[in-house]
């Protein structure tokens, strides 16, 4: 089982002085500190310097600090990556990932730049080609150089890139594309977040099976945390199932009888993941007092 971290809410924060100062006390599960879309070209360099200094200073209340860099095919991406490597956030969000080699290459760059090993990568699936490659991208979790920890699906970008008309029903191509990304994430035991971008609300995203959502305001973060919080009854049932599989008589068994039905070990593994998530959330709440 991979490292379990709550990622119900990921608050997008432009790398401006005002936004970064306000974000320090924001208790979202994650902050996406943005050097890309939210900064015009004239502000890219100043924003990069400002963000790197802010990260080195620390003092953020959020669980994870993630930097969204500009693409490496832009004039700013390489400098963003170098600054991030020195500042050492928890993760780097790489936009427009379309093949696993994109991640391995960035991971290798981070190593050469002496970034801490703990710095992970979040892969942005923003294009139809990225969706078609979703399983291959997710499989990069097996490559230590790729450092992959999470997928982020940008529904708004996909709608634009897919030439969907404004207000197109979500039950059309967009839903199929989201389902493809979800299946890839689950096949490789990865978290997957949805950037609603006004296409889907957090409740709908939770119903589809996402682990969390990218939001643009603290109020949206609170809604996401409520929407994606584990159901207490499900957590209680998961604890009971884990206890049953951990009993001496179940040791080494592929399946057991539990509450009148046969339960296989892979279902117990998913129950362990849910319990671990609930415990991580409880620990997070305790640290925040």
C-alpha atoms as a PDB file:
ATOM      1  CA  UNK A   1       0.000   0.000   0.000  1.00  0.00           C
ATOM      2  CA  UNK A   2       1.349   3.397  -1.009  1.00  0.00           C
ATOM      3  CA  UNK A   3       1.828   6.255   1.419  1.00  0.00           C
ATOM      4  CA  UNK A   4      -1.628   7.499   2.419  1.00  0.00           C
ATOM      5  CA  UNK A   5      -2.049  11.274   2.512  1.00  0.00           C
ATOM      6  CA  UNK A   6      -5.342  13.193   2.659  1.00  0.00           C
ATOM      7  CA  UNK A   7      -5.869  15.022  -0.639  1.00  0.00           C
ATOM      8  CA  UNK A   8      -9.530  15.976  -0.416  1.00  0.00           C
ATOM      9  CA  UNK A   9      -8.833  19.640  -1.130  1.00  0.00           C
ATOM     10  CA  UNK A  10      -6.045  21.165  -3.206  1.00  0.00           C
ATOM     11  CA  UNK A  11      -6.283  24.947  -3.107  1.00  0.00           C
ATOM     12  CA  UNK A  12      -4.813  26.712  -6.133  1.00  0.00           C
ATOM     13  CA  UNK A  13      -2.736  29.714  -4.999  1.00  0.00           C
ATOM     14  CA  UNK A  14      -1.187  32.194  -7.466  1.00  0.00           C
ATOM     15  CA  UNK A  15       2.453  32.978  -6.668  1.00  0.00           C
ATOM     16  CA  UNK A  16       1.691  36.605  -5.845  1.00  0.00           C
ATOM     17  CA  UNK A  17       2.797  38.233  -2.603  1.00  0.00           C
ATOM     18  CA  UNK A  18      -0.758  38.723  -1.340  1.00  0.00           C
ATOM     19  CA  UNK A  19      -1.959  35.216  -2.199  1.00  0.00           C
ATOM     20  CA  UNK A  20       1.113  33.493  -0.753  1.00  0.00           C
ATOM     21  CA  UNK A  21       0.844  35.436   2.505  1.00  0.00           C
ATOM     22  CA  UNK A  22      -2.819  34.484   2.871  1.00  0.00           C
ATOM     23  CA  UNK A  23      -2.072  30.837   2.046  1.00  0.00           C
ATOM     24  CA  UNK A  24       0.262  30.304   5.002  1.00  0.00           C
ATOM     25  CA  UNK A  25      -2.618  29.832   7.443  1.00  0.00           C
ATOM     26  CA  UNK A  26      -4.860  27.934   5.007  1.00  0.00           C
ATOM     27  CA  UNK A  27      -5.546  24.416   6.393  1.00  0.00           C
ATOM     28  CA  UNK A  28      -6.356  22.735   3.060  1.00  0.00           C
ATOM     29  CA  UNK A  29      -5.041  19.218   2.598  1.00  0.00           C
ATOM     30  CA  UNK A  30      -2.769  20.587  -0.147  1.00  0.00           C
ATOM     31  CA  UNK A  31      -1.808  23.904  -1.678  1.00  0.00           C
ATOM     32  CA  UNK A  32      -1.002  24.108  -5.382  1.00  0.00           C
ATOM     33  CA  UNK A  33       1.325  27.097  -5.537  1.00  0.00           C
ATOM     34  CA  UNK A  34       1.023  28.199  -9.117  1.00  0.00           C
ATOM     35  CA  UNK A  35       3.768  29.538 -11.380  1.00  0.00           C
ATOM     36  CA  UNK A  36       1.847  28.689 -14.544  1.00  0.00           C
ATOM     37  CA  UNK A  37      -1.613  29.871 -15.605  1.00  0.00           C
ATOM     38  CA  UNK A  38      -2.186  32.404 -12.832  1.00  0.00           C
ATOM     39  CA  UNK A  39       0.941  34.482 -13.605  1.00  0.00           C
ATOM     40  CA  UNK A  40       1.293  36.544 -16.804  1.00  0.00           C
ATOM     41  CA  UNK A  41       4.620  36.255 -18.642  1.00  0.00           C
ATOM     42  CA  UNK A  42       5.930  39.553 -17.265  1.00  0.00           C
ATOM     43  CA  UNK A  43       5.503  38.266 -13.679  1.00  0.00           C
ATOM     44  CA  UNK A  44       6.952  34.766 -14.121  1.00  0.00           C
ATOM     45  CA  UNK A  45      10.480  35.473 -12.898  1.00  0.00           C
ATOM     46  CA  UNK A  46       9.431  37.577  -9.903  1.00  0.00           C
ATOM     47  CA  UNK A  47       6.814  34.995  -8.950  1.00  0.00           C
ATOM     48  CA  UNK A  48       9.382  32.194  -9.098  1.00  0.00           C
ATOM     49  CA  UNK A  49      11.805  34.049  -6.814  1.00  0.00           C
ATOM     50  CA  UNK A  50       8.998  34.973  -4.427  1.00  0.00           C
ATOM     51  CA  UNK A  51       7.658  31.431  -4.229  1.00  0.00           C
ATOM     52  CA  UNK A  52      11.063  29.848  -3.668  1.00  0.00           C
ATOM     53  CA  UNK A  53      11.753  32.240  -0.777  1.00  0.00           C
ATOM     54  CA  UNK A  54       8.310  31.539   0.684  1.00  0.00           C
ATOM     55  CA  UNK A  55       8.880  27.772   0.570  1.00  0.00           C
ATOM     56  CA  UNK A  56      12.283  28.059   2.239  1.00  0.00           C
ATOM     57  CA  UNK A  57      10.743  30.163   4.988  1.00  0.00           C
ATOM     58  CA  UNK A  58       8.051  27.539   5.617  1.00  0.00           C
ATOM     59  CA  UNK A  59       5.296  27.912   8.171  1.00  0.00           C
ATOM     60  CA  UNK A  60       2.408  26.625   6.038  1.00  0.00           C
ATOM     61  CA  UNK A  61      -0.572  25.037   7.763  1.00  0.00           C
ATOM     62  CA  UNK A  62      -1.546  22.869   4.766  1.00  0.00           C
ATOM     63  CA  UNK A  63      -0.645  19.209   4.634  1.00  0.00           C
ATOM     64  CA  UNK A  64       1.241  19.334   1.301  1.00  0.00           C
ATOM     65  CA  UNK A  65       2.891  22.133  -0.643  1.00  0.00           C
ATOM     66  CA  UNK A  66       2.802  21.431  -4.374  1.00  0.00           C
ATOM     67  CA  UNK A  67       4.300  23.756  -7.010  1.00  0.00           C
ATOM     68  CA  UNK A  68       2.714  23.842 -10.448  1.00  0.00           C
ATOM     69  CA  UNK A  69       5.501  24.700 -12.857  1.00  0.00           C
ATOM     70  CA  UNK A  70       5.244  25.929 -16.405  1.00  0.00           C
ATOM     71  CA  UNK A  71       5.732  23.230 -19.008  1.00  0.00           C
ATOM     72  CA  UNK A  72       9.315  22.433 -19.878  1.00  0.00           C
ATOM     73  CA  UNK A  73       8.497  23.335 -23.486  1.00  0.00           C
ATOM     74  CA  UNK A  74       7.890  26.956 -22.414  1.00  0.00           C
ATOM     75  CA  UNK A  75      10.533  29.637 -21.786  1.00  0.00           C
ATOM     76  CA  UNK A  76      10.013  29.366 -18.006  1.00  0.00           C
ATOM     77  CA  UNK A  77       9.774  25.665 -17.201  1.00  0.00           C
ATOM     78  CA  UNK A  78      13.462  24.818 -16.720  1.00  0.00           C
ATOM     79  CA  UNK A  79      14.046  27.789 -14.422  1.00  0.00           C
ATOM     80  CA  UNK A  80      10.917  26.863 -12.460  1.00  0.00           C
ATOM     81  CA  UNK A  81      12.228  23.344 -11.951  1.00  0.00           C
ATOM     82  CA  UNK A  82      15.651  24.563 -10.798  1.00  0.00           C
ATOM     83  CA  UNK A  83      14.059  26.916  -8.263  1.00  0.00           C
ATOM     84  CA  UNK A  84      11.729  24.186  -7.026  1.00  0.00           C
ATOM     85  CA  UNK A  85      14.598  21.735  -6.584  1.00  0.00           C
ATOM     86  CA  UNK A  86      16.377  24.128  -4.241  1.00  0.00           C
ATOM     87  CA  UNK A  87      13.239  25.141  -2.317  1.00  0.00           C
ATOM     88  CA  UNK A  88      12.112  21.526  -1.747  1.00  0.00           C
ATOM     89  CA  UNK A  89       8.287  21.486  -1.745  1.00  0.00           C
ATOM     90  CA  UNK A  90       6.416  18.251  -1.160  1.00  0.00           C
ATOM     91  CA  UNK A  91       5.650  17.814  -4.842  1.00  0.00           C
ATOM     92  CA  UNK A  92       5.798  19.352  -8.307  1.00  0.00           C
ATOM     93  CA  UNK A  93       2.686  19.401 -10.489  1.00  0.00           C
ATOM     94  CA  UNK A  94       3.777  18.861 -14.092  1.00  0.00           C
ATOM     95  CA  UNK A  95       1.227  20.119 -16.640  1.00  0.00           C
ATOM     96  CA  UNK A  96       0.307  18.396 -19.890  1.00  0.00           C
ATOM     97  CA  UNK A  97       1.879  15.015 -19.194  1.00  0.00           C
ATOM     98  CA  UNK A  98       1.400  12.811 -22.253  1.00  0.00           C
ATOM     99  CA  UNK A  99       3.861   9.932 -21.765  1.00  0.00           C
ATOM    100  CA  UNK A 100       5.637   8.326 -18.800  1.00  0.00           C
ATOM    101  CA  UNK A 101       9.010   9.491 -20.089  1.00  0.00           C
ATOM    102  CA  UNK A 102       7.903  13.060 -19.296  1.00  0.00           C
ATOM    103  CA  UNK A 103       7.915  12.168 -15.596  1.00  0.00           C
ATOM    104  CA  UNK A 104      11.095  10.096 -15.601  1.00  0.00           C
ATOM    105  CA  UNK A 105      12.906  12.920 -17.361  1.00  0.00           C
ATOM    106  CA  UNK A 106      11.778  15.493 -14.812  1.00  0.00           C
ATOM    107  CA  UNK A 107      12.638  13.136 -11.966  1.00  0.00           C
ATOM    108  CA  UNK A 108      16.141  12.747 -13.366  1.00  0.00           C
ATOM    109  CA  UNK A 109      16.471  16.518 -13.605  1.00  0.00           C
ATOM    110  CA  UNK A 110      15.402  16.880  -9.975  1.00  0.00           C
ATOM    111  CA  UNK A 111      18.062  14.386  -8.934  1.00  0.00           C
ATOM    112  CA  UNK A 112      20.764  16.238 -10.859  1.00  0.00           C
ATOM    113  CA  UNK A 113      19.575  19.477  -9.251  1.00  0.00           C
ATOM    114  CA  UNK A 114      19.961  17.807  -5.817  1.00  0.00           C
ATOM    115  CA  UNK A 115      16.280  18.036  -4.936  1.00  0.00           C
ATOM    116  CA  UNK A 116      15.372  16.070  -1.786  1.00  0.00           C
ATOM    117  CA  UNK A 117      14.210  12.512  -2.494  1.00  0.00           C
ATOM    118  CA  UNK A 118      10.929  13.280  -0.725  1.00  0.00           C
ATOM    119  CA  UNK A 119       9.889  15.679  -3.528  1.00  0.00           C
ATOM    120  CA  UNK A 120       7.237  13.805  -5.534  1.00  0.00           C
ATOM    121  CA  UNK A 121       5.583  14.480  -8.894  1.00  0.00           C
ATOM    122  CA  UNK A 122       1.908  15.053  -9.633  1.00  0.00           C
ATOM    123  CA  UNK A 123       1.019  14.407 -13.268  1.00  0.00           C
ATOM    124  CA  UNK A 124      -1.400  16.794 -14.950  1.00  0.00           C
ATOM    125  CA  UNK A 125      -3.667  15.112 -17.517  1.00  0.00           C
ATOM    126  CA  UNK A 126      -4.862  18.145 -19.462  1.00  0.00           C
ATOM    127  CA  UNK A 127      -5.105  16.921 -23.062  1.00  0.00           C
ATOM    128  CA  UNK A 128      -6.839  14.160 -25.025  1.00  0.00           C
ATOM    129  CA  UNK A 129      -3.410  12.622 -25.712  1.00  0.00           C
ATOM    130  CA  UNK A 130      -2.727  12.612 -21.975  1.00  0.00           C
ATOM    131  CA  UNK A 131      -6.005  10.770 -21.382  1.00  0.00           C
ATOM    132  CA  UNK A 132      -5.174   8.211 -24.076  1.00  0.00           C
ATOM    133  CA  UNK A 133      -1.807   7.668 -22.344  1.00  0.00           C
ATOM    134  CA  UNK A 134      -3.259   7.685 -18.818  1.00  0.00           C
ATOM    135  CA  UNK A 135      -2.513   4.032 -18.047  1.00  0.00           C
ATOM    136  CA  UNK A 136       1.067   4.308 -19.294  1.00  0.00           C
ATOM    137  CA  UNK A 137       1.559   7.528 -17.317  1.00  0.00           C
ATOM    138  CA  UNK A 138       0.127   5.955 -14.159  1.00  0.00           C
ATOM    139  CA  UNK A 139       2.388   2.921 -14.612  1.00  0.00           C
ATOM    140  CA  UNK A 140       5.353   5.257 -14.085  1.00  0.00           C
ATOM    141  CA  UNK A 141       4.682   4.861 -10.358  1.00  0.00           C
ATOM    142  CA  UNK A 142       6.907   1.765 -10.663  1.00  0.00           C
ATOM    143  CA  UNK A 143       9.826   3.889 -11.919  1.00  0.00           C
ATOM    144  CA  UNK A 144      11.728   5.423  -9.004  1.00  0.00           C
ATOM    145  CA  UNK A 145      12.946   8.259 -11.243  1.00  0.00           C
ATOM    146  CA  UNK A 146       9.358   9.261 -12.022  1.00  0.00           C
ATOM    147  CA  UNK A 147       8.566  10.012  -8.344  1.00  0.00           C
ATOM    148  CA  UNK A 148       4.864   9.780  -9.217  1.00  0.00           C
ATOM    149  CA  UNK A 149       2.345  10.232  -6.387  1.00  0.00           C
ATOM    150  CA  UNK A 150      -0.868  11.613  -7.877  1.00  0.00           C
ATOM    151  CA  UNK A 151      -2.797  12.331 -11.081  1.00  0.00           C
ATOM    152  CA  UNK A 152      -4.648  15.618 -11.603  1.00  0.00           C
ATOM    153  CA  UNK A 153      -7.291  15.702 -14.335  1.00  0.00           C
ATOM    154  CA  UNK A 154      -8.178  19.164 -15.623  1.00  0.00           C
ATOM    155  CA  UNK A 155     -11.768  18.888 -16.827  1.00  0.00           C
ATOM    156  CA  UNK A 156     -11.833  22.457 -18.117  1.00  0.00           C
ATOM    157  CA  UNK A 157      -8.695  22.031 -20.204  1.00  0.00           C
ATOM    158  CA  UNK A 158      -9.972  18.716 -21.561  1.00  0.00           C
ATOM    159  CA  UNK A 159     -13.236  20.338 -22.592  1.00  0.00           C
ATOM    160  CA  UNK A 160     -11.348  23.068 -24.439  1.00  0.00           C
ATOM    161  CA  UNK A 161      -8.809  20.722 -26.030  1.00  0.00           C
ATOM    162  CA  UNK A 162     -11.599  18.340 -26.973  1.00  0.00           C
ATOM    163  CA  UNK A 163     -13.553  21.157 -28.610  1.00  0.00           C
ATOM    164  CA  UNK A 164     -16.601  20.517 -26.471  1.00  0.00           C
ATOM    165  CA  UNK A 165     -19.097  23.381 -26.728  1.00  0.00           C
ATOM    166  CA  UNK A 166     -19.752  25.472 -23.585  1.00  0.00           C
ATOM    167  CA  UNK A 167     -22.337  23.793 -21.429  1.00  0.00           C
ATOM    168  CA  UNK A 168     -21.920  20.434 -23.156  1.00  0.00           C
ATOM    169  CA  UNK A 169     -23.433  17.667 -20.998  1.00  0.00           C
ATOM    170  CA  UNK A 170     -20.921  15.944 -18.794  1.00  0.00           C
ATOM    171  CA  UNK A 171     -22.373  12.565 -19.778  1.00  0.00           C
ATOM    172  CA  UNK A 172     -20.755  12.931 -23.199  1.00  0.00           C
ATOM    173  CA  UNK A 173     -17.073  12.519 -24.097  1.00  0.00           C
ATOM    174  CA  UNK A 174     -15.859  14.313 -20.980  1.00  0.00           C
ATOM    175  CA  UNK A 175     -17.283  11.650 -18.672  1.00  0.00           C
ATOM    176  CA  UNK A 176     -15.597   8.893 -20.670  1.00  0.00           C
ATOM    177  CA  UNK A 177     -12.265  10.727 -20.485  1.00  0.00           C
ATOM    178  CA  UNK A 178     -12.587  11.164 -16.723  1.00  0.00           C
ATOM    179  CA  UNK A 179     -13.431   7.476 -16.331  1.00  0.00           C
ATOM    180  CA  UNK A 180     -10.301   6.538 -18.282  1.00  0.00           C
ATOM    181  CA  UNK A 181      -8.114   8.561 -15.911  1.00  0.00           C
ATOM    182  CA  UNK A 182      -9.871   7.070 -12.892  1.00  0.00           C
ATOM    183  CA  UNK A 183      -9.318   3.520 -14.113  1.00  0.00           C
ATOM    184  CA  UNK A 184      -5.621   4.234 -14.722  1.00  0.00           C
ATOM    185  CA  UNK A 185      -5.194   5.671 -11.229  1.00  0.00           C
ATOM    186  CA  UNK A 186      -6.924   2.738  -9.561  1.00  0.00           C
ATOM    187  CA  UNK A 187      -4.991   0.180 -11.609  1.00  0.00           C
ATOM    188  CA  UNK A 188      -1.764   1.575 -10.167  1.00  0.00           C
ATOM    189  CA  UNK A 189      -2.967   2.529  -6.664  1.00  0.00           C
ATOM    190  CA  UNK A 190      -2.633   6.281  -7.199  1.00  0.00           C
ATOM    191  CA  UNK A 191      -4.683   9.181  -5.916  1.00  0.00           C
ATOM    192  CA  UNK A 192      -6.510  11.121  -8.616  1.00  0.00           C
ATOM    193  CA  UNK A 193      -7.837  14.666  -8.224  1.00  0.00           C
ATOM    194  CA  UNK A 194     -10.264  16.568 -10.422  1.00  0.00           C
ATOM    195  CA  UNK A 195      -9.917  20.196 -11.335  1.00  0.00           C
ATOM    196  CA  UNK A 196     -13.623  21.010 -11.741  1.00  0.00           C
ATOM    197  CA  UNK A 197     -12.937  24.232 -13.687  1.00  0.00           C
ATOM    198  CA  UNK A 198     -16.690  24.949 -13.527  1.00  0.00           C
ATOM    199  CA  UNK A 199     -17.435  21.669 -15.312  1.00  0.00           C
ATOM    200  CA  UNK A 200     -18.282  19.537 -12.252  1.00  0.00           C
ATOM    201  CA  UNK A 201     -18.918  20.413  -8.621  1.00  0.00           C
ATOM    202  CA  UNK A 202     -17.120  18.626  -5.797  1.00  0.00           C
ATOM    203  CA  UNK A 203     -20.110  16.477  -4.882  1.00  0.00           C
ATOM    204  CA  UNK A 204     -20.362  15.189  -8.436  1.00  0.00           C
ATOM    205  CA  UNK A 205     -16.605  14.568  -8.516  1.00  0.00           C
ATOM    206  CA  UNK A 206     -16.865  12.516  -5.323  1.00  0.00           C
ATOM    207  CA  UNK A 207     -19.701  10.514  -6.799  1.00  0.00           C
ATOM    208  CA  UNK A 208     -17.566   9.677  -9.819  1.00  0.00           C
ATOM    209  CA  UNK A 209     -14.852   8.260  -7.561  1.00  0.00           C
ATOM    210  CA  UNK A 210     -12.196  10.971  -7.375  1.00  0.00           C
ATOM    211  CA  UNK A 211     -10.129  11.357  -4.207  1.00  0.00           C
ATOM    212  CA  UNK A 212     -10.271  15.143  -4.081  1.00  0.00           C
ATOM    213  CA  UNK A 213     -10.649  18.326  -6.064  1.00  0.00           C
ATOM    214  CA  UNK A 214      -8.644  21.362  -7.061  1.00  0.00           C
ATOM    215  CA  UNK A 215     -10.405  24.496  -5.809  1.00  0.00           C
ATOM    216  CA  UNK A 216      -9.764  28.208  -6.100  1.00  0.00           C
ATOM    217  CA  UNK A 217     -11.048  29.570  -2.783  1.00  0.00           C
ATOM    218  CA  UNK A 218     -10.962  28.553   0.908  1.00  0.00           C
ATOM    219  CA  UNK A 219     -14.743  28.101   0.930  1.00  0.00           C
ATOM    220  CA  UNK A 220     -14.350  25.614  -1.923  1.00  0.00           C
ATOM    221  CA  UNK A 221     -11.687  23.788   0.075  1.00  0.00           C
ATOM    222  CA  UNK A 222     -14.094  23.369   2.995  1.00  0.00           C
ATOM    223  CA  UNK A 223     -16.783  22.016   0.648  1.00  0.00           C
ATOM    224  CA  UNK A 224     -14.312  19.577  -0.889  1.00  0.00           C
ATOM    225  CA  UNK A 225     -13.148  18.362   2.520  1.00  0.00           C
ATOM    226  CA  UNK A 226     -16.744  17.672   3.504  1.00  0.00           C
ATOM    227  CA  UNK A 227     -17.587  16.010   0.180  1.00  0.00           C
ATOM    228  CA  UNK A 228     -14.537  13.727   0.127  1.00  0.00           C
ATOM    229  CA  UNK A 229     -14.433  12.869   3.833  1.00  0.00           C
ATOM    230  CA  UNK A 230     -14.632   9.106   4.494  1.00  0.00           C
ATOM    231  CA  UNK A 231     -18.061   7.902   5.561  1.00  0.00           C
ATOM    232  CA  UNK A 232     -17.910   7.004   9.293  1.00  0.00           C
ATOM    233  CA  UNK A 233     -19.984   3.852   8.803  1.00  0.00           C
ATOM    234  CA  UNK A 234     -17.718   2.718   5.976  1.00  0.00           C
ATOM    235  CA  UNK A 235     -14.660   3.323   8.158  1.00  0.00           C
ATOM    236  CA  UNK A 236     -16.216   1.316  10.994  1.00  0.00           C
ATOM    237  CA  UNK A 237     -16.994  -1.572   8.638  1.00  0.00           C
ATOM    238  CA  UNK A 238     -13.453  -1.395   7.239  1.00  0.00           C
ATOM    239  CA  UNK A 239     -11.960  -1.629  10.740  1.00  0.00           C
ATOM    240  CA  UNK A 240     -14.050  -4.730  11.435  1.00  0.00           C
ATOM    241  CA  UNK A 241     -12.931  -6.352   8.186  1.00  0.00           C
ATOM    242  CA  UNK A 242      -9.266  -5.594   8.871  1.00  0.00           C
ATOM    243  CA  UNK A 243      -9.609  -7.074  12.359  1.00  0.00           C
ATOM    244  CA  UNK A 244     -11.167 -10.213  10.893  1.00  0.00           C
ATOM    245  CA  UNK A 245      -8.304 -10.688   8.440  1.00  0.00           C
ATOM    246  CA  UNK A 246      -5.753 -10.019  11.169  1.00  0.00           C
ATOM    247  CA  UNK A 247      -7.193 -12.707  13.445  1.00  0.00           C
ATOM    248  CA  UNK A 248      -4.870 -15.725  13.942  1.00  0.00           C
ATOM    249  CA  UNK A 249      -7.266 -18.120  12.213  1.00  0.00           C
ATOM    250  CA  UNK A 250      -7.259 -15.967   9.053  1.00  0.00           C
ATOM    251  CA  UNK A 251      -3.483 -15.790   8.771  1.00  0.00           C
ATOM    252  CA  UNK A 252      -2.362 -16.748   5.256  1.00  0.00           C
ATOM    253  CA  UNK A 253      -5.915 -17.148   3.988  1.00  0.00           C
ATOM    254  CA  UNK A 254      -6.843 -15.743   0.562  1.00  0.00           C
ATOM    255  CA  UNK A 255     -10.421 -15.227   1.700  1.00  0.00           C
ATOM    256  CA  UNK A 256     -12.585 -15.518   4.800  1.00  0.00           C
ATOM    257  CA  UNK A 257     -16.260 -15.678   5.709  1.00  0.00           C
ATOM    258  CA  UNK A 258     -17.313 -12.293   7.058  1.00  0.00           C
ATOM    259  CA  UNK A 259     -20.883 -11.251   7.869  1.00  0.00           C
ATOM    260  CA  UNK A 260     -22.345 -14.040   5.781  1.00  0.00           C
ATOM    261  CA  UNK A 261     -20.258 -13.683   2.640  1.00  0.00           C
ATOM    262  CA  UNK A 262     -16.829 -14.556   1.315  1.00  0.00           C
ATOM    263  CA  UNK A 263     -14.374 -11.665   1.401  1.00  0.00           C
ATOM    264  CA  UNK A 264     -11.086 -11.825  -0.493  1.00  0.00           C
ATOM    265  CA  UNK A 265      -7.824 -10.358   0.716  1.00  0.00           C
ATOM    266  CA  UNK A 266      -7.812  -7.631  -1.929  1.00  0.00           C
ATOM    267  CA  UNK A 267     -11.001  -6.247  -0.348  1.00  0.00           C
ATOM    268  CA  UNK A 268      -9.248  -6.272   3.019  1.00  0.00           C
ATOM    269  CA  UNK A 269      -6.365  -4.345   1.453  1.00  0.00           C
ATOM    270  CA  UNK A 270      -8.797  -1.653   0.322  1.00  0.00           C
ATOM    271  CA  UNK A 271     -10.275  -1.606   3.826  1.00  0.00           C
ATOM    272  CA  UNK A 272      -6.775  -1.023   5.226  1.00  0.00           C
ATOM    273  CA  UNK A 273      -6.360   1.908   2.871  1.00  0.00           C
ATOM    274  CA  UNK A 274      -9.627   3.463   4.075  1.00  0.00           C
ATOM    275  CA  UNK A 275      -8.660   2.982   7.722  1.00  0.00           C
ATOM    276  CA  UNK A 276      -5.229   4.482   7.058  1.00  0.00           C
ATOM    277  CA  UNK A 277      -6.851   7.503   5.399  1.00  0.00           C
ATOM    278  CA  UNK A 278      -9.218   7.996   8.338  1.00  0.00           C
ATOM    279  CA  UNK A 279      -6.294   7.782  10.766  1.00  0.00           C
ATOM    280  CA  UNK A 280      -4.260  10.248   8.707  1.00  0.00           C
ATOM    281  CA  UNK A 281      -7.175  12.692   8.774  1.00  0.00           C
ATOM    282  CA  UNK A 282      -7.550  12.267  12.529  1.00  0.00           C
ATOM    283  CA  UNK A 283      -3.841  12.912  13.020  1.00  0.00           C
ATOM    284  CA  UNK A 284      -4.011  15.956  10.784  1.00  0.00           C
ATOM    285  CA  UNK A 285      -6.940  17.377  12.764  1.00  0.00           C
ATOM    286  CA  UNK A 286      -5.071  16.741  16.015  1.00  0.00           C
ATOM    287  CA  UNK A 287      -1.975  18.603  14.811  1.00  0.00           C
ATOM    288  CA  UNK A 288      -4.076  21.587  13.827  1.00  0.00           C
ATOM    289  CA  UNK A 289      -5.704  21.618  17.239  1.00  0.00           C
END
